[in-house]
Amino acid sequence: MNIREMSVNGQRIIPPLELNMEKGIILGIQTNVQRKKMLLAQFAERQDMYLSLAEQGEYTRLTVEELLRFMKSLSGHGQPVRSMLQLFQLGEYRKVKIADLPASKKIYLSLLRVYYAQQPAIILEEPYFQLEEPDQLAFKRLLEELVEEKQILILTANLEDALISCDTVYRLDEAGLHLLDITDAEDEMEALDEPGEAEFKIQKIPTKKNDKTILFNPPEIDYIESINSSAVVHVAGETYVCALTLAELEEKLQHYGFFRCHRSYIVNLQKVRELITWTKNSYSLRLTTGKDSVVPLSRTKLAELKSLLNI
């Protein structure tokens, strides 16, 4: 699938992309709200895609059973409504009006429209936003069944939501798609125990989020800070906890253009846009990230930084 380049006021927001969607694999793209909306607008032009948008709402006067019957008749779906109530785990709500459902159940019910979609590809915007855990798990199971017959892509600004059910997750920024190296924590420990690999090393920075281990390439990282003695890695506006100390990270990253600018901060110098002088003894570094990130620069580090940057 080809995605066109998209710009705003002459600034490229999304580069031209090629995304391979296939049955059996749920893809996820984590990006900011602006890029997400621009992608959805482009996908809406296609006839072979069904778009499930966040907060799209439902007919609140209908009962759950009436809505499923309506969706069945509209789509020509072959399964009887009673079977679908059981599959969707909604049997106890079948006579309840949608207006009277708990908030999470309303969202879950709206998401079930994807099960009746006739298009071969399904695009979901923030499907797990505001879903309670039981509904998250129920919808995750449905997607796992649905992906055997459909191509599925989840667009989200929240990486944790992508990790719930996606087999492959990309991060999208102005440079393009970046495949996230994601493994289960148990798989990571098994890999560390395997012998014979000490001679060959690929530098990755391991972090944790949503019970997953996420491995970042050094250039992806904006900066790292120490909070309550824990290292927090900042990537594209998201934060990830790292078990390594700042000293260990400084040693690992020193050959990748990272600089210990403060006792509690390590910054990627490739992301530095501006050196800010507040007073003769107070300095900061402004970064070229999606958010207006500013990190402190110690006075004792100023001369070393200027030498590194030839300024």
Protein backbone atom coordinates (compact mmCIF):
# COMPACT_ATOMS: atom_id res chain seq x y z
CA MET A 1 0.00 0.00 0.00
CA ASN A 2 1.40 3.38 -1.05
CA ILE A 3 0.91 6.48 1.10
CA ARG A 4 1.32 9.91 -0.50
CA GLU A 5 3.59 12.58 0.89
CA MET A 6 1.65 15.15 2.92
CA SER A 7 2.80 18.65 3.84
CA VAL A 8 1.47 21.66 5.76
CA ASN A 9 2.63 25.19 4.87
CA GLY A 10 5.51 23.76 2.90
CA GLN A 11 6.70 21.54 5.75
CA ARG A 12 6.65 17.82 5.10
CA ILE A 13 4.65 16.03 7.78
CA ILE A 14 4.45 12.56 6.22
CA PRO A 15 6.97 11.37 3.63
CA PRO A 16 5.94 9.01 0.81
CA LEU A 17 5.59 5.55 2.35
CA GLU A 18 5.05 1.97 1.34
CA LEU A 19 3.28 -0.17 3.92
CA ASN A 20 2.85 -3.91 3.53
CA MET A 21 -0.42 -5.12 5.05
CA GLU A 22 -1.23 -8.82 5.02
CA LYS A 23 -3.61 -11.29 6.59
CA GLY A 24 -2.50 -12.88 9.82
CA ILE A 25 -0.51 -9.88 11.06
CA ILE A 26 -2.01 -6.94 12.95
CA LEU A 27 0.03 -3.84 12.17
CA GLY A 28 0.28 -0.81 14.43
CA ILE A 29 1.48 2.72 13.71
CA GLN A 30 2.21 4.98 16.67
CA THR A 31 2.40 8.66 15.77
CA ASN A 32 1.11 12.05 16.84
CA VAL A 33 -2.47 13.22 16.43
CA GLN A 34 -1.75 15.39 13.37
CA ARG A 35 -0.15 12.58 11.37
CA LYS A 36 -2.82 10.14 12.47
CA LYS A 37 -5.61 12.40 11.18
CA MET A 38 -3.78 13.00 7.90
CA LEU A 39 -3.37 9.26 7.35
CA LEU A 40 -7.06 8.67 8.09
CA ALA A 41 -8.05 11.35 5.57
CA GLN A 42 -5.96 9.63 2.93
CA PHE A 43 -7.32 6.17 3.79
CA ALA A 44 -10.88 7.51 3.57
CA GLU A 45 -10.36 7.96 -0.18
CA ARG A 46 -10.01 4.22 -0.68
CA GLN A 47 -12.95 1.91 -1.32
CA ASP A 48 -11.14 -1.21 -0.10
CA MET A 49 -10.72 0.02 3.47
CA TYR A 50 -13.15 0.19 6.37
CA LEU A 51 -12.38 3.00 8.82
CA SER A 52 -13.31 2.64 12.48
CA LEU A 53 -12.94 6.11 13.95
CA ALA A 54 -12.61 7.00 17.62
CA GLU A 55 -15.80 8.23 19.27
CA GLN A 56 -17.97 7.46 16.23
CA GLY A 57 -21.03 6.74 18.42
CA GLU A 58 -24.05 4.47 18.03
CA TYR A 59 -27.87 4.56 17.83
CA THR A 60 -28.54 5.01 21.51
CA ARG A 61 -32.28 4.21 21.34
CA LEU A 62 -31.66 0.67 20.13
CA THR A 63 -30.96 -2.26 22.40
CA VAL A 64 -27.75 -4.24 21.94
CA GLU A 65 -29.66 -7.06 20.25
CA GLU A 66 -31.45 -4.65 17.92
CA LEU A 67 -28.20 -3.02 16.89
CA LEU A 68 -26.56 -6.37 16.08
CA ARG A 69 -29.61 -7.35 14.07
CA PHE A 70 -29.40 -4.05 12.18
CA MET A 71 -25.69 -4.54 11.42
CA LYS A 72 -26.34 -8.12 10.32
CA SER A 73 -29.07 -7.08 7.88
CA LEU A 74 -27.03 -4.16 6.57
CA SER A 75 -23.95 -6.27 5.89
CA GLY A 76 -25.59 -9.53 4.89
CA HIS A 77 -23.55 -11.33 7.53
CA GLY A 78 -24.53 -14.99 7.83
CA GLN A 79 -24.19 -15.65 11.57
CA PRO A 80 -27.39 -15.45 13.67
CA VAL A 81 -27.62 -12.64 16.20
CA ARG A 82 -27.75 -15.07 19.13
CA SER A 83 -24.39 -16.54 18.10
CA MET A 84 -22.88 -13.09 17.78
CA LEU A 85 -24.12 -12.08 21.23
CA GLN A 86 -22.27 -15.08 22.61
CA LEU A 87 -19.14 -14.40 20.56
CA PHE A 88 -19.07 -10.76 21.59
CA GLN A 89 -19.74 -11.66 25.27
CA LEU A 90 -22.81 -9.42 25.32
CA GLY A 91 -25.51 -11.92 26.25
CA GLU A 92 -26.36 -10.25 29.56
CA TYR A 93 -26.76 -6.88 27.78
CA ARG A 94 -28.89 -7.99 24.84
CA LYS A 95 -32.08 -6.23 26.03
CA VAL A 96 -30.28 -3.16 27.39
CA LYS A 97 -30.59 0.08 25.44
CA ILE A 98 -27.27 1.44 24.25
CA ALA A 99 -27.95 4.70 26.07
CA ASP A 100 -27.98 2.77 29.35
CA LEU A 101 -24.74 0.84 28.80
CA PRO A 102 -21.55 1.63 30.75
CA ALA A 103 -19.22 3.94 28.80
CA SER A 104 -16.70 1.21 28.03
CA LYS A 105 -19.42 -1.10 26.69
CA LYS A 106 -20.71 1.64 24.36
CA ILE A 107 -17.25 2.04 22.84
CA TYR A 108 -16.78 -1.72 22.60
CA LEU A 109 -20.14 -2.09 20.87
CA SER A 110 -19.23 0.59 18.35
CA LEU A 111 -15.96 -1.21 17.59
CA LEU A 112 -17.88 -4.38 16.74
CA ARG A 113 -18.90 -2.83 13.42
CA VAL A 114 -15.51 -3.96 12.09
CA TYR A 115 -16.67 -7.56 12.42
CA TYR A 116 -19.39 -6.87 9.84
CA ALA A 117 -17.18 -4.88 7.47
CA GLN A 118 -17.07 -6.20 3.91
CA GLN A 119 -13.85 -4.43 2.88
CA PRO A 120 -10.66 -6.54 2.89
CA ALA A 121 -8.73 -3.99 4.99
CA ILE A 122 -9.71 -2.49 8.35
CA ILE A 123 -8.19 0.68 9.82
CA LEU A 124 -8.84 1.34 13.51
CA GLU A 125 -8.23 4.68 15.19
CA GLU A 126 -7.45 4.41 18.93
CA PRO A 127 -9.56 1.23 19.43
CA TYR A 128 -8.53 0.76 23.06
CA PHE A 129 -8.97 4.37 24.15
CA GLN A 130 -11.22 4.44 27.26
CA LEU A 131 -11.93 0.71 27.07
CA GLU A 132 -11.84 -1.07 30.40
CA GLU A 133 -9.60 -4.13 30.61
CA PRO A 134 -12.32 -6.83 30.12
CA ASP A 135 -13.49 -5.08 26.95
CA GLN A 136 -9.91 -4.62 25.78
CA LEU A 137 -9.30 -8.36 26.13
CA ALA A 138 -12.59 -9.24 24.42
CA PHE A 139 -11.87 -6.98 21.45
CA LYS A 140 -8.28 -8.23 21.25
CA ARG A 141 -9.58 -11.80 20.88
CA LEU A 142 -11.97 -10.70 18.14
CA LEU A 143 -9.19 -9.00 16.19
CA GLU A 144 -7.06 -12.14 16.46
CA GLU A 145 -9.90 -14.08 14.85
CA LEU A 146 -10.68 -11.37 12.29
CA VAL A 147 -7.07 -10.94 11.09
CA GLU A 148 -7.11 -14.44 9.63
CA GLU A 149 -9.43 -13.09 6.93
CA LYS A 150 -8.69 -9.34 6.95
CA GLN A 151 -5.78 -6.92 6.80
CA ILE A 152 -5.79 -4.86 10.01
CA LEU A 153 -3.98 -1.63 10.87
CA ILE A 154 -4.24 0.21 14.19
CA LEU A 155 -3.40 3.94 14.34
CA THR A 156 -2.68 5.32 17.79
CA ALA A 157 -0.83 8.09 19.57
CA ASN A 158 -0.30 5.78 22.54
CA LEU A 159 2.31 3.03 22.22
CA GLU A 160 0.79 1.04 25.08
CA ASP A 161 -2.43 0.66 23.08
CA ALA A 162 -0.51 -0.59 20.05
CA LEU A 163 1.23 -3.20 22.19
CA ILE A 164 -2.07 -4.73 23.32
CA SER A 165 -2.76 -6.58 20.08
CA CYS A 166 -0.32 -5.59 17.34
CA ASP A 167 2.16 -8.13 16.03
CA THR A 168 4.30 -5.45 14.36
CA VAL A 169 4.53 -1.82 15.49
CA TYR A 170 6.00 1.13 13.61
CA ARG A 171 6.68 4.65 14.84
CA LEU A 172 5.94 7.33 12.24
CA ASP A 173 7.67 10.70 12.19
CA GLU A 174 8.76 13.19 9.52
CA ALA A 175 11.57 10.83 8.48
CA GLY A 176 9.23 7.89 7.85
CA LEU A 177 8.36 4.57 9.47
CA HIS A 178 10.62 3.07 12.12
CA LEU A 179 10.08 -0.56 13.07
CA LEU A 180 10.08 -0.98 16.84
CA ASP A 181 12.02 -3.97 18.12
CA ILE A 182 9.55 -5.44 20.61
CA THR A 183 9.94 -8.68 22.54
CA ASP A 184 8.30 -10.26 25.53
CA ALA A 185 10.36 -9.89 28.67
CA GLU A 186 10.67 -13.68 29.01
CA ASP A 187 11.97 -13.96 25.44
CA GLU A 188 14.58 -11.33 26.20
CA MET A 189 15.86 -13.25 29.23
CA GLU A 190 16.08 -16.47 27.22
CA ALA A 191 18.08 -14.67 24.54
CA LEU A 192 20.52 -13.38 27.13
CA ASP A 193 21.13 -16.91 28.35
CA GLU A 194 22.06 -18.23 24.91
CA PRO A 195 25.82 -18.93 24.63
CA GLY A 196 28.17 -18.10 21.82
CA GLU A 197 26.93 -14.59 21.00
CA ALA A 198 29.32 -12.49 23.08
CA GLU A 199 31.54 -11.72 20.09
CA PHE A 200 28.75 -10.13 18.03
CA LYS A 201 26.93 -7.12 19.45
CA ILE A 202 24.31 -4.80 18.03
CA GLN A 203 23.84 -1.72 20.18
CA LYS A 204 20.24 -1.45 21.37
CA ILE A 205 18.90 0.34 24.41
CA PRO A 206 16.40 -1.90 26.28
CA THR A 207 13.38 -0.22 27.86
CA LYS A 208 10.13 -1.38 29.44
CA LYS A 209 6.54 -0.41 28.74
CA ASN A 210 3.27 -2.28 29.23
CA ASP A 211 5.13 -5.46 30.32
CA LYS A 212 7.05 -5.45 27.05
CA THR A 213 10.73 -4.94 26.37
CA ILE A 214 11.26 -2.35 23.64
CA LEU A 215 14.70 -2.02 22.05
CA PHE A 216 15.58 1.38 20.61
CA ASN A 217 18.34 2.25 18.17
CA PRO A 218 20.40 5.10 19.68
CA PRO A 219 19.48 7.65 16.93
CA GLU A 220 15.79 7.27 17.85
CA ILE A 221 16.37 8.54 21.38
CA ASP A 222 15.90 12.27 22.09
CA TYR A 223 17.29 12.39 25.62
CA ILE A 224 17.48 10.44 28.86
CA GLU A 225 16.85 11.74 32.35
CA SER A 226 17.15 10.36 35.85
CA ILE A 227 13.93 10.45 37.89
CA ASN A 228 13.97 9.03 41.40
CA SER A 229 17.14 7.09 40.58
CA SER A 230 15.54 5.50 37.49
CA ALA A 231 16.59 6.22 33.92
CA VAL A 232 13.72 7.45 31.75
CA VAL A 233 14.23 7.36 27.98
CA HIS A 234 12.39 9.95 25.85
CA VAL A 235 11.48 8.98 22.27
CA ALA A 236 9.10 11.04 20.09
CA GLY A 237 7.16 12.42 23.04
CA GLU A 238 6.81 9.03 24.78
CA THR A 239 8.70 7.90 27.90
CA TYR A 240 10.15 4.46 28.65
CA VAL A 241 11.84 3.15 31.78
CA CYS A 242 15.33 1.69 31.42
CA ALA A 243 16.99 -0.58 33.99
CA LEU A 244 20.47 0.72 33.15
CA THR A 245 21.99 3.56 35.16
CA LEU A 246 22.80 6.91 33.59
CA ALA A 247 26.51 6.07 33.87
CA GLU A 248 25.99 2.79 32.00
CA LEU A 249 23.92 4.52 29.34
CA GLU A 250 26.52 7.26 28.96
CA GLU A 251 29.19 4.63 28.30
CA LYS A 252 27.01 2.75 25.78
CA LEU A 253 25.96 5.87 23.90
CA GLN A 254 29.13 7.97 23.86
CA HIS A 255 30.04 6.81 20.34
CA TYR A 256 26.56 7.68 19.00
CA GLY A 257 26.70 11.43 19.55
CA PHE A 258 25.22 11.52 23.07
CA PHE A 259 26.46 13.95 25.70
CA ARG A 260 26.11 13.99 29.49
CA CYS A 261 24.92 17.59 29.68
CA HIS A 262 23.89 17.45 33.34
CA ARG A 263 24.28 15.00 36.20
CA SER A 264 20.67 13.90 35.57
CA TYR A 265 20.53 14.20 31.75
CA ILE A 266 22.05 12.65 28.65
CA VAL A 267 21.12 14.31 25.36
CA ASN A 268 21.34 13.23 21.73
CA LEU A 269 23.38 16.06 20.19
CA GLN A 270 21.83 15.38 16.78
CA LYS A 271 18.52 16.56 18.26
CA VAL A 272 19.86 19.82 19.74
CA ARG A 273 18.57 22.93 17.96
CA GLU A 274 19.47 25.79 20.29
CA LEU A 275 21.75 26.64 23.19
CA ILE A 276 19.80 28.88 25.56
CA THR A 277 21.59 31.25 27.94
CA TRP A 278 19.31 32.27 30.81
CA THR A 279 21.98 33.92 32.96
CA LYS A 280 25.79 33.77 32.93
CA ASN A 281 25.57 30.57 35.00
CA SER A 282 22.32 29.04 33.73
CA TYR A 283 21.95 27.25 30.40
CA SER A 284 19.58 24.88 28.60
CA LEU A 285 19.40 22.95 25.34
CA ARG A 286 16.29 23.09 23.15
CA LEU A 287 15.65 19.97 21.05
CA THR A 288 14.19 19.43 17.58
CA THR A 289 11.49 17.03 18.72
CA GLY A 290 7.73 16.90 18.25
CA LYS A 291 7.34 18.60 21.61
CA ASP A 292 9.17 21.73 22.67
CA SER A 293 11.66 19.83 24.84
CA VAL A 294 14.26 21.69 26.86
CA VAL A 295 16.94 19.99 28.96
CA PRO A 296 19.34 21.65 31.41
CA LEU A 297 23.01 22.17 30.64
CA SER A 298 25.43 22.35 33.57
CA ARG A 299 27.75 25.34 33.65
CA THR A 300 30.70 22.98 34.06
CA LYS A 301 29.72 21.17 30.83
CA LEU A 302 29.39 24.29 28.69
CA ALA A 303 33.01 24.50 27.53
CA GLU A 304 33.10 20.76 26.69
CA LEU A 305 29.89 21.05 24.67
CA LYS A 306 31.15 24.08 22.73
CA SER A 307 34.30 22.17 21.91
CA LEU A 308 32.30 19.17 20.65
CA LEU A 309 30.09 21.39 18.50
CA ASN A 310 32.91 23.66 17.35
CA ILE A 311 31.17 26.81 18.53
